[in-house]
Protein backbone atom coordinates (compact mmCIF):
# COMPACT_ATOMS: atom_id res chain seq x y z
CA UNK A 1 31.71 -24.04 -10.82
CA UNK A 2 29.86 -21.19 -9.20
CA UNK A 3 29.50 -21.11 -5.42
CA UNK A 4 25.80 -21.85 -4.44
CA UNK A 5 25.07 -20.85 -0.89
CA UNK A 6 22.44 -23.03 0.74
CA UNK A 7 20.61 -22.71 4.03
CA UNK A 8 18.60 -25.35 5.72
CA UNK A 9 15.56 -23.88 7.46
CA UNK A 10 14.34 -25.32 10.74
CA UNK A 11 11.13 -24.88 12.77
CA UNK A 12 10.53 -21.76 15.08
CA UNK A 13 11.17 -24.02 18.07
CA UNK A 14 14.84 -24.25 16.88
CA UNK A 15 17.40 -24.81 19.61
CA UNK A 16 19.73 -21.84 20.82
CA UNK A 17 22.78 -23.34 18.98
CA UNK A 18 20.69 -23.58 15.80
CA UNK A 19 19.37 -20.28 15.99
CA UNK A 20 22.95 -19.10 16.22
CA UNK A 21 23.88 -21.03 13.20
CA UNK A 22 21.08 -19.69 11.33
CA UNK A 23 21.91 -16.16 12.07
CA UNK A 24 25.70 -16.80 11.42
CA UNK A 25 24.87 -18.38 8.13
CA UNK A 26 22.47 -15.47 7.03
CA UNK A 27 24.90 -12.88 7.98
CA UNK A 28 28.38 -14.29 7.28
CA UNK A 29 30.52 -11.35 6.02
CA UNK A 30 28.13 -8.58 6.71
CA UNK A 31 30.62 -6.28 8.27
CA UNK A 32 33.00 -6.86 5.28
CA UNK A 33 30.35 -6.25 2.76
CA UNK A 34 29.65 -2.95 4.44
CA UNK A 35 33.28 -1.71 4.32
CA UNK A 36 33.82 -3.17 1.00
CA UNK A 37 32.91 0.06 -0.85
CA UNK A 38 35.33 2.15 1.29
CA UNK A 39 38.13 -0.34 0.54
CA UNK A 40 37.35 -0.19 -3.06
CA UNK A 41 37.02 3.58 -3.14
CA UNK A 42 40.64 3.72 -1.48
CA UNK A 43 42.12 1.21 -3.86
CA UNK A 44 40.68 3.24 -6.89
CA UNK A 45 41.92 6.40 -5.37
CA UNK A 46 45.48 4.96 -4.98
CA UNK A 47 45.36 3.83 -8.53
CA UNK A 48 44.16 6.99 -9.77
CA UNK A 49 46.46 9.02 -7.60
CA UNK A 50 43.60 10.94 -5.76
CA UNK A 51 40.90 10.48 -2.87
CA UNK A 52 37.65 8.91 -3.72
CA UNK A 53 35.12 11.08 -5.40
CA UNK A 54 32.79 12.51 -2.85
CA UNK A 55 29.83 14.77 -3.25
CA UNK A 56 29.31 17.18 -0.31
CA UNK A 57 25.43 17.19 -1.27
CA UNK A 58 25.40 13.70 0.09
CA UNK A 59 26.67 14.71 3.61
CA UNK A 60 23.15 15.31 5.06
CA UNK A 61 21.53 12.07 3.88
CA UNK A 62 24.81 10.07 4.96
CA UNK A 63 24.68 11.68 8.50
CA UNK A 64 20.96 10.70 8.55
CA UNK A 65 21.96 7.07 7.81
CA UNK A 66 24.71 7.37 10.44
CA UNK A 67 22.06 8.55 12.94
CA UNK A 68 19.95 5.66 12.27
CA UNK A 69 22.82 2.92 12.69
CA UNK A 70 23.91 4.70 15.82
CA UNK A 71 20.61 4.34 17.32
CA UNK A 72 20.34 0.58 16.08
CA UNK A 73 23.69 -0.06 17.83
CA UNK A 74 22.19 1.42 21.04
CA UNK A 75 18.99 -0.65 20.55
CA UNK A 76 20.95 -3.87 20.35
CA UNK A 77 23.09 -3.13 23.11
CA UNK A 78 20.03 -3.02 25.30
CA UNK A 79 18.66 -6.22 23.66
CA UNK A 80 21.77 -8.22 24.60
CA UNK A 81 21.52 -7.45 28.26
CA UNK A 82 20.81 -10.67 30.21
CA UNK A 83 20.75 -13.04 27.23
CA UNK A 84 22.03 -16.49 27.55
CA UNK A 85 25.47 -17.48 26.14
CA UNK A 86 24.21 -18.85 22.71
CA UNK A 87 21.65 -16.09 22.15
CA UNK A 88 24.22 -13.37 23.29
CA UNK A 89 26.67 -14.69 20.46
CA UNK A 90 23.98 -14.67 17.93
CA UNK A 91 22.76 -11.06 18.67
CA UNK A 92 26.12 -9.72 19.33
CA UNK A 93 26.95 -10.65 15.69
CA UNK A 94 24.18 -8.40 14.56
CA UNK A 95 25.16 -5.71 16.90
CA UNK A 96 28.79 -5.91 15.51
CA UNK A 97 27.59 -5.37 11.93
CA UNK A 98 25.59 -2.28 13.01
CA UNK A 99 28.92 -0.93 14.83
CA UNK A 100 30.71 -1.58 11.56
CA UNK A 101 28.05 0.33 9.37
CA UNK A 102 28.21 3.33 11.79
CA UNK A 103 32.09 3.14 11.69
CA UNK A 104 32.10 2.88 7.90
CA UNK A 105 29.68 5.86 7.57
CA UNK A 106 31.63 7.96 10.08
CA UNK A 107 34.94 7.10 8.12
CA UNK A 108 33.40 8.07 4.71
CA UNK A 109 32.08 11.28 6.17
CA UNK A 110 35.28 12.17 7.91
CA UNK A 111 35.45 15.90 9.03
CA UNK A 112 31.74 16.17 7.69
CA UNK A 113 30.36 13.96 10.24
CA UNK A 114 27.71 15.12 12.72
CA UNK A 115 27.63 13.78 16.21
CA UNK A 116 24.67 11.03 15.98
CA UNK A 117 22.35 10.34 18.84
CA UNK A 118 22.91 7.30 20.81
CA UNK A 119 19.31 6.94 22.04
CA UNK A 120 17.90 3.36 21.36
CA UNK A 121 15.00 3.02 18.89
CA UNK A 122 13.38 0.67 21.40
CA UNK A 123 13.85 -1.02 24.56
CA UNK A 124 13.82 -4.71 23.79
CA UNK A 125 14.24 -7.13 26.49
CA UNK A 126 13.58 -11.10 27.19
CA UNK A 127 14.58 -14.00 25.03
CA UNK A 128 15.67 -13.55 21.43
CA UNK A 129 12.53 -15.40 20.16
CA UNK A 130 10.58 -12.85 22.19
CA UNK A 131 12.45 -9.67 20.87
CA UNK A 132 12.77 -11.22 17.32
CA UNK A 133 9.66 -9.63 15.63
CA UNK A 134 10.16 -6.16 17.02
CA UNK A 135 13.97 -6.16 15.91
CA UNK A 136 13.04 -7.50 12.58
CA UNK A 137 10.75 -4.60 12.09
CA UNK A 138 13.52 -2.10 12.94
CA UNK A 139 15.82 -3.86 10.54
CA UNK A 140 13.30 -3.71 7.90
CA UNK A 141 12.41 0.13 8.55
CA UNK A 142 16.14 0.78 8.53
CA UNK A 143 16.83 -0.91 5.44
CA UNK A 144 14.03 1.08 3.91
CA UNK A 145 15.31 4.30 5.11
CA UNK A 146 18.82 3.60 3.54
CA UNK A 147 17.03 2.29 0.40
CA UNK A 148 15.26 5.76 0.11
CA UNK A 149 18.36 7.63 0.91
CA UNK A 150 20.31 5.73 -1.83
CA UNK A 151 17.71 7.47 -4.34
CA UNK A 152 19.02 10.93 -3.20
CA UNK A 153 22.83 10.00 -3.11
CA UNK A 154 24.77 11.54 -5.74
CA UNK A 155 28.39 9.99 -5.30
CA UNK A 156 28.81 6.36 -6.38
CA UNK A 157 30.81 5.45 -3.31
CA UNK A 158 28.26 6.66 -0.95
CA UNK A 159 25.58 4.73 -2.81
CA UNK A 160 27.68 1.50 -2.87
CA UNK A 161 28.14 1.75 0.90
CA UNK A 162 24.45 2.09 1.58
CA UNK A 163 23.53 -0.53 -0.79
CA UNK A 164 25.93 -2.92 0.91
CA UNK A 165 24.26 -2.10 4.25
CA UNK A 166 20.88 -2.78 2.91
CA UNK A 167 21.64 -6.05 1.72
CA UNK A 168 22.86 -7.31 4.95
CA UNK A 169 20.06 -5.52 7.02
CA UNK A 170 17.67 -7.47 4.82
CA UNK A 171 19.31 -10.63 6.05
CA UNK A 172 19.05 -9.40 9.62
CA UNK A 173 15.37 -9.08 9.20
CA UNK A 174 14.81 -12.31 7.52
CA UNK A 175 16.62 -14.25 10.25
CA UNK A 176 14.81 -12.46 12.94
CA UNK A 177 11.66 -13.28 11.31
CA UNK A 178 12.42 -16.88 11.23
CA UNK A 179 13.33 -16.86 14.97
CA UNK A 180 10.11 -14.95 15.71
CA UNK A 181 8.35 -17.83 14.10
CA UNK A 182 7.40 -16.69 10.59
CA UNK A 183 7.24 -19.35 7.92
CA UNK A 184 10.41 -19.34 5.64
CA UNK A 185 8.46 -17.80 2.73
CA UNK A 186 6.84 -15.12 4.90
CA UNK A 187 10.44 -14.28 6.25
CA UNK A 188 12.02 -13.99 2.73
CA UNK A 189 9.13 -11.68 1.86
CA UNK A 190 9.93 -9.23 4.69
């Protein structure tokens, strides 16, 4: 029997613990998803007797993605300052995903990595509910940037890495839209 993932949607006035559960349920496995193409590439390389096939023409685009992820890390580091325990746990989960994406891109680029900026994209502060819409917009923009870059990528491993990141960032945006008070249908359309 196939696994079916179900989520119970609650109202925007949900409790802190419920918000944490919502974010955790929507994002479970995000860091693993982002790193999966790298592990798959390493396994394939081990079986084939060589390193994963990389196209150096992808380096500039991948460094651009790394730049965006590094700036998302800096943005979430600003966002978590002063949060209550439950909100801190939920937002740290998203921060950890962006850290994992930046590490995965850095690992993939290896010696071709360009030192990315660590300037935040915004300076969110206050409660999670108050920051959620701004962060959802940044997540959506980041997913769009990566999606556009996928169209220029030549190497399959690089495209798979970015696609796995986009999938989770879309979940970030949807979860944050729900917290901001959007209806479940509107959040999904984000």
